[in-house]
Amino acid sequence: SGQVGAIWDGYPFERYVYMVHATSGARGATEHLNSTIIQRPRFSYRE
């Protein structure tokens, strides 16, 4: 989140929410105006 200045010189938000679903099977992600939802299988983070 601290690398914004590498491309842009301003922000379209004051607050941003990273939402994560650690699930069984579902995977993918969707961008939103001031947040995102990211879905990954629950045991796919350690490696």
ModelCIF file with pLDDT and N, C-alpha, C, O atoms, coordinates in Angstrom:
data_MODEL
#
_entry.id   MODEL 
#
_entity.id                         1 
_entity.type                       polymer 
_entity.pdbx_number_of_molecules   1 
#
_entity_poly.entity_id                      1 
_entity_poly.type                           'polypeptide(L)' 
_entity_poly.nstd_linkage                   no 
_entity_poly.nstd_monomer                   no 
_entity_poly.pdbx_seq_one_letter_code       SGQVGAIWDGYPFERYVYMVHATSGARGATEHLNSTIIQRPRFSYRE 
_entity_poly.pdbx_seq_one_letter_code_can   SGQVGAIWDGYPFERYVYMVHATSGARGATEHLNSTIIQRPRFSYRE 
_entity_poly.pdbx_strand_id                 A 
#
loop_
_entity_poly_seq.entity_id 
_entity_poly_seq.num 
_entity_poly_seq.mon_id 
_entity_poly_seq.hetero 
1 1  SER n 
1 2  GLY n 
1 3  GLN n 
1 4  VAL n 
1 5  GLY n 
1 6  ALA n 
1 7  ILE n 
1 8  TRP n 
1 9  ASP n 
1 10 GLY n 
1 11 TYR n 
1 12 PRO n 
1 13 PHE n 
1 14 GLU n 
1 15 ARG n 
1 16 TYR n 
1 17 VAL n 
1 18 TYR n 
1 19 MET n 
1 20 VAL n 
1 21 HIS n 
1 22 ALA n 
1 23 THR n 
1 24 SER n 
1 25 GLY n 
1 26 ALA n 
1 27 ARG n 
1 28 GLY n 
1 29 ALA n 
1 30 THR n 
1 31 GLU n 
1 32 HIS n 
1 33 LEU n 
1 34 ASN n 
1 35 SER n 
1 36 THR n 
1 37 ILE n 
1 38 ILE n 
1 39 GLN n 
1 40 ARG n 
1 41 PRO n 
1 42 ARG n 
1 43 PHE n 
1 44 SER n 
1 45 TYR n 
1 46 ARG n 
1 47 GLU n 
#
_struct_asym.id          A 
_struct_asym.entity_id   1 
#
loop_
_ma_qa_metric.id 
_ma_qa_metric.mode 
_ma_qa_metric.name 
_ma_qa_metric.software_group_id 
_ma_qa_metric.type 
1 global pLDDT . pLDDT 
2 local  pLDDT . pLDDT 
#
_ma_qa_metric_global.metric_id      1 
_ma_qa_metric_global.metric_value   95.87 
_ma_qa_metric_global.model_id       1 
_ma_qa_metric_global.ordinal_id     1 
#
loop_
_ma_qa_metric_local.label_asym_id 
_ma_qa_metric_local.label_comp_id 
_ma_qa_metric_local.label_seq_id 
_ma_qa_metric_local.metric_id 
_ma_qa_metric_local.metric_value 
_ma_qa_metric_local.model_id 
_ma_qa_metric_local.ordinal_id 
A SER 1  2 96.00 1 1  
A GLY 2  2 95.00 1 2  
A GLN 3  2 97.00 1 3  
A VAL 4  2 97.00 1 4  
A GLY 5  2 97.00 1 5  
A ALA 6  2 97.00 1 6  
A ILE 7  2 98.00 1 7  
A TRP 8  2 98.00 1 8  
A ASP 9  2 94.00 1 9  
A GLY 10 2 95.00 1 10 
A TYR 11 2 97.00 1 11 
A PRO 12 2 97.00 1 12 
A PHE 13 2 97.00 1 13 
A GLU 14 2 96.00 1 14 
A ARG 15 2 98.00 1 15 
A TYR 16 2 98.00 1 16 
A VAL 17 2 98.00 1 17 
A TYR 18 2 98.00 1 18 
A MET 19 2 98.00 1 19 
A VAL 20 2 98.00 1 20 
A HIS 21 2 98.00 1 21 
A ALA 22 2 97.00 1 22 
A THR 23 2 94.00 1 23 
A SER 24 2 90.00 1 24 
A GLY 25 2 80.00 1 25 
A ALA 26 2 87.00 1 26 
A ARG 27 2 91.00 1 27 
A GLY 28 2 95.00 1 28 
A ALA 29 2 96.00 1 29 
A THR 30 2 96.00 1 30 
A GLU 31 2 97.00 1 31 
A HIS 32 2 97.00 1 32 
A LEU 33 2 96.00 1 33 
A ASN 34 2 96.00 1 34 
A SER 35 2 98.00 1 35 
A THR 36 2 98.00 1 36 
A ILE 37 2 98.00 1 37 
A ILE 38 2 98.00 1 38 
A GLN 39 2 97.00 1 39 
A ARG 40 2 97.00 1 40 
A PRO 41 2 96.00 1 41 
A ARG 42 2 96.00 1 42 
A PHE 43 2 96.00 1 43 
A SER 44 2 95.00 1 44 
A TYR 45 2 96.00 1 45 
A ARG 46 2 95.00 1 46 
A GLU 47 2 97.00 1 47 
#
loop_
_atom_site.group_PDB 
_atom_site.id 
_atom_site.type_symbol 
_atom_site.label_atom_id 
_atom_site.label_alt_id 
_atom_site.label_comp_id 
_atom_site.label_asym_id 
_atom_site.label_entity_id 
_atom_site.label_seq_id 
_atom_site.pdbx_PDB_ins_code 
_atom_site.Cartn_x 
_atom_site.Cartn_y 
_atom_site.Cartn_z 
_atom_site.occupancy 
_atom_site.B_iso_or_equiv 
_atom_site.pdbx_formal_charge 
_atom_site.auth_seq_id 
_atom_site.auth_comp_id 
_atom_site.auth_asym_id 
_atom_site.auth_atom_id 
_atom_site.pdbx_PDB_model_num 
ATOM 1   N N  . SER A 1 1  ? 0.822   -1.211  0.000   1.00 96.00 ? 1  SER A N  1 
ATOM 2   C CA . SER A 1 1  ? 0.000   0.000   0.000   1.00 96.00 ? 1  SER A CA 1 
ATOM 3   C C  . SER A 1 1  ? 0.856   1.261   0.000   1.00 96.00 ? 1  SER A C  1 
ATOM 4   O O  . SER A 1 1  ? 0.376   2.340   -0.349  1.00 96.00 ? 1  SER A O  1 
ATOM 5   N N  . GLY A 1 2  ? 2.122   1.129   0.391   1.00 95.00 ? 2  GLY A N  1 
ATOM 6   C CA . GLY A 1 2  ? 3.006   2.282   0.386   1.00 95.00 ? 2  GLY A CA 1 
ATOM 7   C C  . GLY A 1 2  ? 3.657   2.570   -0.949  1.00 95.00 ? 2  GLY A C  1 
ATOM 8   O O  . GLY A 1 2  ? 4.448   3.507   -1.053  1.00 95.00 ? 2  GLY A O  1 
ATOM 9   N N  . GLN A 1 3  ? 3.345   1.785   -1.982  1.00 97.00 ? 3  GLN A N  1 
ATOM 10  C CA . GLN A 1 3  ? 3.976   1.945   -3.292  1.00 97.00 ? 3  GLN A CA 1 
ATOM 11  C C  . GLN A 1 3  ? 3.131   2.728   -4.293  1.00 97.00 ? 3  GLN A C  1 
ATOM 12  O O  . GLN A 1 3  ? 3.439   2.758   -5.485  1.00 97.00 ? 3  GLN A O  1 
ATOM 13  N N  . VAL A 1 4  ? 2.084   3.350   -3.812  1.00 97.00 ? 4  VAL A N  1 
ATOM 14  C CA . VAL A 1 4  ? 1.168   4.069   -4.708  1.00 97.00 ? 4  VAL A CA 1 
ATOM 15  C C  . VAL A 1 4  ? 1.901   5.103   -5.556  1.00 97.00 ? 4  VAL A C  1 
ATOM 16  O O  . VAL A 1 4  ? 1.614   5.251   -6.744  1.00 97.00 ? 4  VAL A O  1 
ATOM 17  N N  . GLY A 1 5  ? 2.845   5.817   -4.949  1.00 97.00 ? 5  GLY A N  1 
ATOM 18  C CA . GLY A 1 5  ? 3.543   6.892   -5.653  1.00 97.00 ? 5  GLY A CA 1 
ATOM 19  C C  . GLY A 1 5  ? 4.369   6.433   -6.839  1.00 97.00 ? 5  GLY A C  1 
ATOM 20  O O  . GLY A 1 5  ? 4.798   7.260   -7.644  1.00 97.00 ? 5  GLY A O  1 
ATOM 21  N N  . ALA A 1 6  ? 4.602   5.131   -6.964  1.00 97.00 ? 6  ALA A N  1 
ATOM 22  C CA . ALA A 1 6  ? 5.344   4.632   -8.129  1.00 97.00 ? 6  ALA A CA 1 
ATOM 23  C C  . ALA A 1 6  ? 4.552   4.828   -9.416  1.00 97.00 ? 6  ALA A C  1 
ATOM 24  O O  . ALA A 1 6  ? 5.133   4.874   -10.501 1.00 97.00 ? 6  ALA A O  1 
ATOM 25  N N  . ILE A 1 7  ? 3.240   4.943   -9.305  1.00 98.00 ? 7  ILE A N  1 
ATOM 26  C CA . ILE A 1 7  ? 2.402   5.116   -10.494 1.00 98.00 ? 7  ILE A CA 1 
ATOM 27  C C  . ILE A 1 7  ? 1.571   6.399   -10.418 1.00 98.00 ? 7  ILE A C  1 
ATOM 28  O O  . ILE A 1 7  ? 1.569   7.194   -11.358 1.00 98.00 ? 7  ILE A O  1 
ATOM 29  N N  . TRP A 1 8  ? 0.865   6.603   -9.302  1.00 98.00 ? 8  TRP A N  1 
ATOM 30  C CA . TRP A 1 8  ? -0.076  7.719   -9.207  1.00 98.00 ? 8  TRP A CA 1 
ATOM 31  C C  . TRP A 1 8  ? 0.410   8.747   -8.194  1.00 98.00 ? 8  TRP A C  1 
ATOM 32  O O  . TRP A 1 8  ? 1.260   8.449   -7.356  1.00 98.00 ? 8  TRP A O  1 
ATOM 33  N N  . ASP A 1 9  ? -0.130  9.950   -8.274  1.00 94.00 ? 9  ASP A N  1 
ATOM 34  C CA . ASP A 1 9  ? 0.255   10.994  -7.325  1.00 94.00 ? 9  ASP A CA 1 
ATOM 35  C C  . ASP A 1 9  ? -0.918  11.422  -6.453  1.00 94.00 ? 9  ASP A C  1 
ATOM 36  O O  . ASP A 1 9  ? -0.994  12.574  -6.024  1.00 94.00 ? 9  ASP A O  1 
ATOM 37  N N  . GLY A 1 10 ? -1.826  10.496  -6.196  1.00 95.00 ? 10 GLY A N  1 
ATOM 38  C CA . GLY A 1 10 ? -2.949  10.801  -5.323  1.00 95.00 ? 10 GLY A CA 1 
ATOM 39  C C  . GLY A 1 10 ? -3.754  9.556   -5.021  1.00 95.00 ? 10 GLY A C  1 
ATOM 40  O O  . GLY A 1 10 ? -3.531  8.496   -5.606  1.00 95.00 ? 10 GLY A O  1 
ATOM 41  N N  . TYR A 1 11 ? -4.691  9.697   -4.100  1.00 97.00 ? 11 TYR A N  1 
ATOM 42  C CA . TYR A 1 11 ? -5.532  8.580   -3.665  1.00 97.00 ? 11 TYR A CA 1 
ATOM 43  C C  . TYR A 1 11 ? -7.003  8.884   -3.952  1.00 97.00 ? 11 TYR A C  1 
ATOM 44  O O  . TYR A 1 11 ? -7.442  10.025  -3.806  1.00 97.00 ? 11 TYR A O  1 
ATOM 45  N N  . PRO A 1 12 ? -7.759  7.871   -4.359  1.00 97.00 ? 12 PRO A N  1 
ATOM 46  C CA . PRO A 1 12 ? -9.204  8.054   -4.513  1.00 97.00 ? 12 PRO A CA 1 
ATOM 47  C C  . PRO A 1 12 ? -9.973  7.664   -3.250  1.00 97.00 ? 12 PRO A C  1 
ATOM 48  O O  . PRO A 1 12 ? -11.203 7.611   -3.275  1.00 97.00 ? 12 PRO A O  1 
ATOM 49  N N  . PHE A 1 13 ? -9.267  7.390   -2.138  1.00 97.00 ? 13 PHE A N  1 
ATOM 50  C CA . PHE A 1 13 ? -9.923  6.957   -0.910  1.00 97.00 ? 13 PHE A CA 1 
ATOM 51  C C  . PHE A 1 13 ? -9.151  7.480   0.297   1.00 97.00 ? 13 PHE A C  1 
ATOM 52  O O  . PHE A 1 13 ? -7.976  7.834   0.203   1.00 97.00 ? 13 PHE A O  1 
ATOM 53  N N  . GLU A 1 14 ? -9.848  7.517   1.435   1.00 96.00 ? 14 GLU A N  1 
ATOM 54  C CA . GLU A 1 14 ? -9.216  7.809   2.716   1.00 96.00 ? 14 GLU A CA 1 
ATOM 55  C C  . GLU A 1 14 ? -8.986  6.528   3.511   1.00 96.00 ? 14 GLU A C  1 
ATOM 56  O O  . GLU A 1 14 ? -8.041  6.430   4.294   1.00 96.00 ? 14 GLU A O  1 
ATOM 57  N N  . ARG A 1 15 ? -9.865  5.547   3.297   1.00 98.00 ? 15 ARG A N  1 
ATOM 58  C CA . ARG A 1 15 ? -9.803  4.282   4.029   1.00 98.00 ? 15 ARG A CA 1 
ATOM 59  C C  . ARG A 1 15 ? -10.073 3.146   3.056   1.00 98.00 ? 15 ARG A C  1 
ATOM 60  O O  . ARG A 1 15 ? -10.921 3.256   2.171   1.00 98.00 ? 15 ARG A O  1 
ATOM 61  N N  . TYR A 1 16 ? -9.334  2.046   3.234   1.00 98.00 ? 16 TYR A N  1 
ATOM 62  C CA . TYR A 1 16 ? -9.436  0.910   2.323   1.00 98.00 ? 16 TYR A CA 1 
ATOM 63  C C  . TYR A 1 16 ? -9.510  -0.373  3.143   1.00 98.00 ? 16 TYR A C  1 
ATOM 64  O O  . TYR A 1 16 ? -8.810  -0.525  4.144   1.00 98.00 ? 16 TYR A O  1 
ATOM 65  N N  . VAL A 1 17 ? -10.381 -1.308  2.699   1.00 98.00 ? 17 VAL A N  1 
ATOM 66  C CA . VAL A 1 17 ? -10.581 -2.551  3.435   1.00 98.00 ? 17 VAL A CA 1 
ATOM 67  C C  . VAL A 1 17 ? -10.198 -3.734  2.553   1.00 98.00 ? 17 VAL A C  1 
ATOM 68  O O  . VAL A 1 17 ? -10.769 -3.930  1.481   1.00 98.00 ? 17 VAL A O  1 
ATOM 69  N N  . TYR A 1 18 ? -9.217  -4.528  3.018   1.00 98.00 ? 18 TYR A N  1 
ATOM 70  C CA . TYR A 1 18 ? -8.888  -5.811  2.402   1.00 98.00 ? 18 TYR A CA 1 
ATOM 71  C C  . TYR A 1 18 ? -9.753  -6.881  3.075   1.00 98.00 ? 18 TYR A C  1 
ATOM 72  O O  . TYR A 1 18 ? -9.557  -7.180  4.253   1.00 98.00 ? 18 TYR A O  1 
ATOM 73  N N  . MET A 1 19 ? -10.705 -7.458  2.342   1.00 98.00 ? 19 MET A N  1 
ATOM 74  C CA . MET A 1 19 ? -11.523 -8.547  2.869   1.00 98.00 ? 19 MET A CA 1 
ATOM 75  C C  . MET A 1 19 ? -11.010 -9.861  2.293   1.00 98.00 ? 19 MET A C  1 
ATOM 76  O O  . MET A 1 19 ? -10.770 -9.966  1.090   1.00 98.00 ? 19 MET A O  1 
ATOM 77  N N  . VAL A 1 20 ? -10.842 -10.856 3.146   1.00 98.00 ? 20 VAL A N  1 
ATOM 78  C CA . VAL A 1 20 ? -10.310 -12.145 2.718   1.00 98.00 ? 20 VAL A CA 1 
ATOM 79  C C  . VAL A 1 20 ? -11.227 -13.255 3.214   1.00 98.00 ? 20 VAL A C  1 
ATOM 80  O O  . VAL A 1 20 ? -11.628 -13.269 4.378   1.00 98.00 ? 20 VAL A O  1 
ATOM 81  N N  . HIS A 1 21 ? -11.554 -14.180 2.324   1.00 98.00 ? 21 HIS A N  1 
ATOM 82  C CA . HIS A 1 21 ? -12.285 -15.393 2.683   1.00 98.00 ? 21 HIS A CA 1 
ATOM 83  C C  . HIS A 1 21 ? -11.331 -16.575 2.596   1.00 98.00 ? 21 HIS A C  1 
ATOM 84  O O  . HIS A 1 21 ? -10.878 -16.930 1.508   1.00 98.00 ? 21 HIS A O  1 
ATOM 85  N N  . ALA A 1 22 ? -11.023 -17.182 3.731   1.00 97.00 ? 22 ALA A N  1 
ATOM 86  C CA . ALA A 1 22 ? -10.253 -18.430 3.754   1.00 97.00 ? 22 ALA A CA 1 
ATOM 87  C C  . ALA A 1 22 ? -11.270 -19.561 3.753   1.00 97.00 ? 22 ALA A C  1 
ATOM 88  O O  . ALA A 1 22 ? -11.905 -19.829 4.773   1.00 97.00 ? 22 ALA A O  1 
ATOM 89  N N  . THR A 1 23 ? -11.426 -20.223 2.620   1.00 94.00 ? 23 THR A N  1 
ATOM 90  C CA . THR A 1 23 ? -12.568 -21.108 2.396   1.00 94.00 ? 23 THR A CA 1 
ATOM 91  C C  . THR A 1 23 ? -12.110 -22.507 1.988   1.00 94.00 ? 23 THR A C  1 
ATOM 92  O O  . THR A 1 23 ? -10.919 -22.818 1.984   1.00 94.00 ? 23 THR A O  1 
ATOM 93  N N  . SER A 1 24 ? -13.063 -23.311 1.657   1.00 90.00 ? 24 SER A N  1 
ATOM 94  C CA . SER A 1 24 ? -12.789 -24.637 1.101   1.00 90.00 ? 24 SER A CA 1 
ATOM 95  C C  . SER A 1 24 ? -13.263 -24.660 -0.342  1.00 90.00 ? 24 SER A C  1 
ATOM 96  O O  . SER A 1 24 ? -14.435 -24.927 -0.611  1.00 90.00 ? 24 SER A O  1 
ATOM 97  N N  . GLY A 1 25 ? -12.368 -24.385 -1.259  1.00 80.00 ? 25 GLY A N  1 
ATOM 98  C CA . GLY A 1 25 ? -12.708 -24.501 -2.671  1.00 80.00 ? 25 GLY A CA 1 
ATOM 99  C C  . GLY A 1 25 ? -12.796 -23.204 -3.426  1.00 80.00 ? 25 GLY A C  1 
ATOM 100 O O  . GLY A 1 25 ? -12.159 -23.064 -4.470  1.00 80.00 ? 25 GLY A O  1 
ATOM 101 N N  . ALA A 1 26 ? -13.567 -22.239 -2.937  1.00 87.00 ? 26 ALA A N  1 
ATOM 102 C CA . ALA A 1 26 ? -13.756 -20.997 -3.685  1.00 87.00 ? 26 ALA A CA 1 
ATOM 103 C C  . ALA A 1 26 ? -12.458 -20.224 -3.781  1.00 87.00 ? 26 ALA A C  1 
ATOM 104 O O  . ALA A 1 26 ? -11.695 -20.145 -2.818  1.00 87.00 ? 26 ALA A O  1 
ATOM 105 N N  . ARG A 1 27 ? -12.213 -19.657 -4.945  1.00 91.00 ? 27 ARG A N  1 
ATOM 106 C CA . ARG A 1 27 ? -11.024 -18.825 -5.117  1.00 91.00 ? 27 ARG A CA 1 
ATOM 107 C C  . ARG A 1 27 ? -11.302 -17.779 -6.178  1.00 91.00 ? 27 ARG A C  1 
ATOM 108 O O  . ARG A 1 27 ? -12.099 -17.989 -7.092  1.00 91.00 ? 27 ARG A O  1 
ATOM 109 N N  . GLY A 1 28 ? -10.629 -16.649 -6.036  1.00 95.00 ? 28 GLY A N  1 
ATOM 110 C CA . GLY A 1 28 ? -10.827 -15.538 -6.950  1.00 95.00 ? 28 GLY A CA 1 
ATOM 111 C C  . GLY A 1 28 ? -10.840 -14.239 -6.165  1.00 95.00 ? 28 GLY A C  1 
ATOM 112 O O  . GLY A 1 28 ? -10.598 -14.238 -4.958  1.00 95.00 ? 28 GLY A O  1 
ATOM 113 N N  . ALA A 1 29 ? -11.118 -13.146 -6.833  1.00 96.00 ? 29 ALA A N  1 
ATOM 114 C CA . ALA A 1 29 ? -11.125 -11.851 -6.168  1.00 96.00 ? 29 ALA A CA 1 
ATOM 115 C C  . ALA A 1 29 ? -11.902 -10.859 -7.014  1.00 96.00 ? 29 ALA A C  1 
ATOM 116 O O  . ALA A 1 29 ? -12.064 -11.038 -8.221  1.00 96.00 ? 29 ALA A O  1 
ATOM 117 N N  . THR A 1 30 ? -12.375 -9.818  -6.365  1.00 96.00 ? 30 THR A N  1 
ATOM 118 C CA . THR A 1 30 ? -13.100 -8.755  -7.055  1.00 96.00 ? 30 THR A CA 1 
ATOM 119 C C  . THR A 1 30 ? -12.711 -7.414  -6.456  1.00 96.00 ? 30 THR A C  1 
ATOM 120 O O  . THR A 1 30 ? -12.676 -7.243  -5.238  1.00 96.00 ? 30 THR A O  1 
ATOM 121 N N  . GLU A 1 31 ? -12.420 -6.470  -7.337  1.00 97.00 ? 31 GLU A N  1 
ATOM 122 C CA . GLU A 1 31 ? -12.077 -5.119  -6.910  1.00 97.00 ? 31 GLU A CA 1 
ATOM 123 C C  . GLU A 1 31 ? -13.349 -4.321  -6.617  1.00 97.00 ? 31 GLU A C  1 
ATOM 124 O O  . GLU A 1 31 ? -14.407 -4.572  -7.194  1.00 97.00 ? 31 GLU A O  1 
ATOM 125 N N  . HIS A 1 32 ? -13.217 -3.362  -5.712  1.00 97.00 ? 32 HIS A N  1 
ATOM 126 C CA . HIS A 1 32 ? -14.325 -2.461  -5.414  1.00 97.00 ? 32 HIS A CA 1 
ATOM 127 C C  . HIS A 1 32 ? -13.796 -1.053  -5.197  1.00 97.00 ? 32 HIS A C  1 
ATOM 128 O O  . HIS A 1 32 ? -12.590 -0.809  -5.242  1.00 97.00 ? 32 HIS A O  1 
ATOM 129 N N  . LEU A 1 33 ? -14.709 -0.144  -4.965  1.00 96.00 ? 33 LEU A N  1 
ATOM 130 C CA . LEU A 1 33 ? -14.394 1.281   -4.919  1.00 96.00 ? 33 LEU A CA 1 
ATOM 131 C C  . LEU A 1 33 ? -13.367 1.619   -3.847  1.00 96.00 ? 33 LEU A C  1 
ATOM 132 O O  . LEU A 1 33 ? -12.463 2.423   -4.076  1.00 96.00 ? 33 LEU A O  1 
ATOM 133 N N  . ASN A 1 34 ? -13.506 1.013   -2.694  1.00 96.00 ? 34 ASN A N  1 
ATOM 134 C CA . ASN A 1 34 ? -12.629 1.325   -1.568  1.00 96.00 ? 34 ASN A CA 1 
ATOM 135 C C  . ASN A 1 34 ? -12.303 0.061   -0.765  1.00 96.00 ? 34 ASN A C  1 
ATOM 136 O O  . ASN A 1 34 ? -11.991 0.129   0.423   1.00 96.00 ? 34 ASN A O  1 
ATOM 137 N N  . SER A 1 35 ? -12.382 -1.082  -1.431  1.00 98.00 ? 35 SER A N  1 
ATOM 138 C CA . SER A 1 35 ? -12.144 -2.365  -0.774  1.00 98.00 ? 35 SER A CA 1 
ATOM 139 C C  . SER A 1 35 ? -11.959 -3.438  -1.834  1.00 98.00 ? 35 SER A C  1 
ATOM 140 O O  . SER A 1 35 ? -12.142 -3.196  -3.027  1.00 98.00 ? 35 SER A O  1 
ATOM 141 N N  . THR A 1 36 ? -11.594 -4.621  -1.376  1.00 98.00 ? 36 THR A N  1 
ATOM 142 C CA . THR A 1 36 ? -11.550 -5.774  -2.266  1.00 98.00 ? 36 THR A CA 1 
ATOM 143 C C  . THR A 1 36 ? -11.969 -7.003  -1.489  1.00 98.00 ? 36 THR A C  1 
ATOM 144 O O  . THR A 1 36 ? -11.847 -7.041  -0.264  1.00 98.00 ? 36 THR A O  1 
ATOM 145 N N  . ILE A 1 37 ? -12.457 -7.998  -2.189  1.00 98.00 ? 37 ILE A N  1 
ATOM 146 C CA . ILE A 1 37 ? -12.740 -9.296  -1.596  1.00 98.00 ? 37 ILE A CA 1 
ATOM 147 C C  . ILE A 1 37 ? -11.863 -10.320 -2.292  1.00 98.00 ? 37 ILE A C  1 
ATOM 148 O O  . ILE A 1 37 ? -11.885 -10.439 -3.517  1.00 98.00 ? 37 ILE A O  1 
ATOM 149 N N  . ILE A 1 38 ? -11.078 -11.070 -1.494  1.00 98.00 ? 38 ILE A N  1 
ATOM 150 C CA . ILE A 1 38 ? -10.140 -12.074 -2.010  1.00 98.00 ? 38 ILE A CA 1 
ATOM 151 C C  . ILE A 1 38 ? -10.509 -13.417 -1.405  1.00 98.00 ? 38 ILE A C  1 
ATOM 152 O O  . ILE A 1 38 ? -10.677 -13.524 -0.190  1.00 98.00 ? 38 ILE A O  1 
ATOM 153 N N  . GLN A 1 39 ? -10.637 -14.436 -2.234  1.00 97.00 ? 39 GLN A N  1 
ATOM 154 C CA . GLN A 1 39 ? -10.990 -15.767 -1.762  1.00 97.00 ? 39 GLN A CA 1 
ATOM 155 C C  . GLN A 1 39 ? -9.886  -16.753 -2.122  1.00 97.00 ? 39 GLN A C  1 
ATOM 156 O O  . GLN A 1 39 ? -9.457  -16.834 -3.274  1.00 97.00 ? 39 GLN A O  1 
ATOM 157 N N  . ARG A 1 40 ? -9.432  -17.503 -1.118  1.00 97.00 ? 40 ARG A N  1 
ATOM 158 C CA . ARG A 1 40 ? -8.405  -18.511 -1.319  1.00 97.00 ? 40 ARG A CA 1 
ATOM 159 C C  . ARG A 1 40 ? -8.744  -19.737 -0.484  1.00 97.00 ? 40 ARG A C  1 
ATOM 160 O O  . ARG A 1 40 ? -9.322  -19.595 0.594   1.00 97.00 ? 40 ARG A O  1 
ATOM 161 N N  . PRO A 1 41 ? -8.403  -20.940 -0.948  1.00 96.00 ? 41 PRO A N  1 
ATOM 162 C CA . PRO A 1 41 ? -8.559  -22.125 -0.097  1.00 96.00 ? 41 PRO A CA 1 
ATOM 163 C C  . PRO A 1 41 ? -7.829  -21.921 1.232   1.00 96.00 ? 41 PRO A C  1 
ATOM 164 O O  . PRO A 1 41 ? -6.734  -21.361 1.268   1.00 96.00 ? 41 PRO A O  1 
ATOM 165 N N  . ARG A 1 42 ? -8.439  -22.375 2.307   1.00 96.00 ? 42 ARG A N  1 
ATOM 166 C CA . ARG A 1 42 ? -7.967  -22.018 3.646   1.00 96.00 ? 42 ARG A CA 1 
ATOM 167 C C  . ARG A 1 42 ? -6.553  -22.486 3.963   1.00 96.00 ? 42 ARG A C  1 
ATOM 168 O O  . ARG A 1 42 ? -5.886  -21.890 4.809   1.00 96.00 ? 42 ARG A O  1 
ATOM 169 N N  . PHE A 1 43 ? -6.084  -23.537 3.304   1.00 96.00 ? 43 PHE A N  1 
ATOM 170 C CA . PHE A 1 43 ? -4.738  -24.031 3.577   1.00 96.00 ? 43 PHE A CA 1 
ATOM 171 C C  . PHE A 1 43 ? -3.781  -23.733 2.424   1.00 96.00 ? 43 PHE A C  1 
ATOM 172 O O  . PHE A 1 43 ? -2.908  -24.541 2.108   1.00 96.00 ? 43 PHE A O  1 
ATOM 173 N N  . SER A 1 44 ? -3.950  -22.579 1.806   1.00 95.00 ? 44 SER A N  1 
ATOM 174 C CA . SER A 1 44 ? -3.095  -22.212 0.668   1.00 95.00 ? 44 SER A CA 1 
ATOM 175 C C  . SER A 1 44 ? -2.360  -20.901 0.945   1.00 95.00 ? 44 SER A C  1 
ATOM 176 O O  . SER A 1 44 ? -2.328  -20.003 0.103   1.00 95.00 ? 44 SER A O  1 
ATOM 177 N N  . TYR A 1 45 ? -1.775  -20.806 2.130   1.00 96.00 ? 45 TYR A N  1 
ATOM 178 C CA . TYR A 1 45 ? -1.049  -19.592 2.508   1.00 96.00 ? 45 TYR A CA 1 
ATOM 179 C C  . TYR A 1 45 ? 0.378   -19.875 2.997   1.00 96.00 ? 45 TYR A C  1 
ATOM 180 O O  . TYR A 1 45 ? 1.245   -19.010 2.865   1.00 96.00 ? 45 TYR A O  1 
ATOM 181 N N  . ARG A 1 46 ? 0.643   -21.053 3.554   1.00 95.00 ? 46 ARG A N  1 
ATOM 182 C CA . ARG A 1 46 ? 1.921   -21.289 4.204   1.00 95.00 ? 46 ARG A CA 1 
ATOM 183 C C  . ARG A 1 46 ? 3.077   -21.427 3.214   1.00 95.00 ? 46 ARG A C  1 
ATOM 184 O O  . ARG A 1 46 ? 4.112   -20.778 3.369   1.00 95.00 ? 46 ARG A O  1 
ATOM 185 N N  . GLU A 1 47 ? 2.899   -22.274 2.197   1.00 97.00 ? 47 GLU A N  1 
ATOM 186 C CA . GLU A 1 47 ? 3.974   -22.477 1.223   1.00 97.00 ? 47 GLU A CA 1 
ATOM 187 C C  . GLU A 1 47 ? 4.202   -21.196 0.421   1.00 97.00 ? 47 GLU A C  1 
ATOM 188 O O  . GLU A 1 47 ? 5.068   -21.160 -0.453  1.00 97.00 ? 47 GLU A O  1 
#
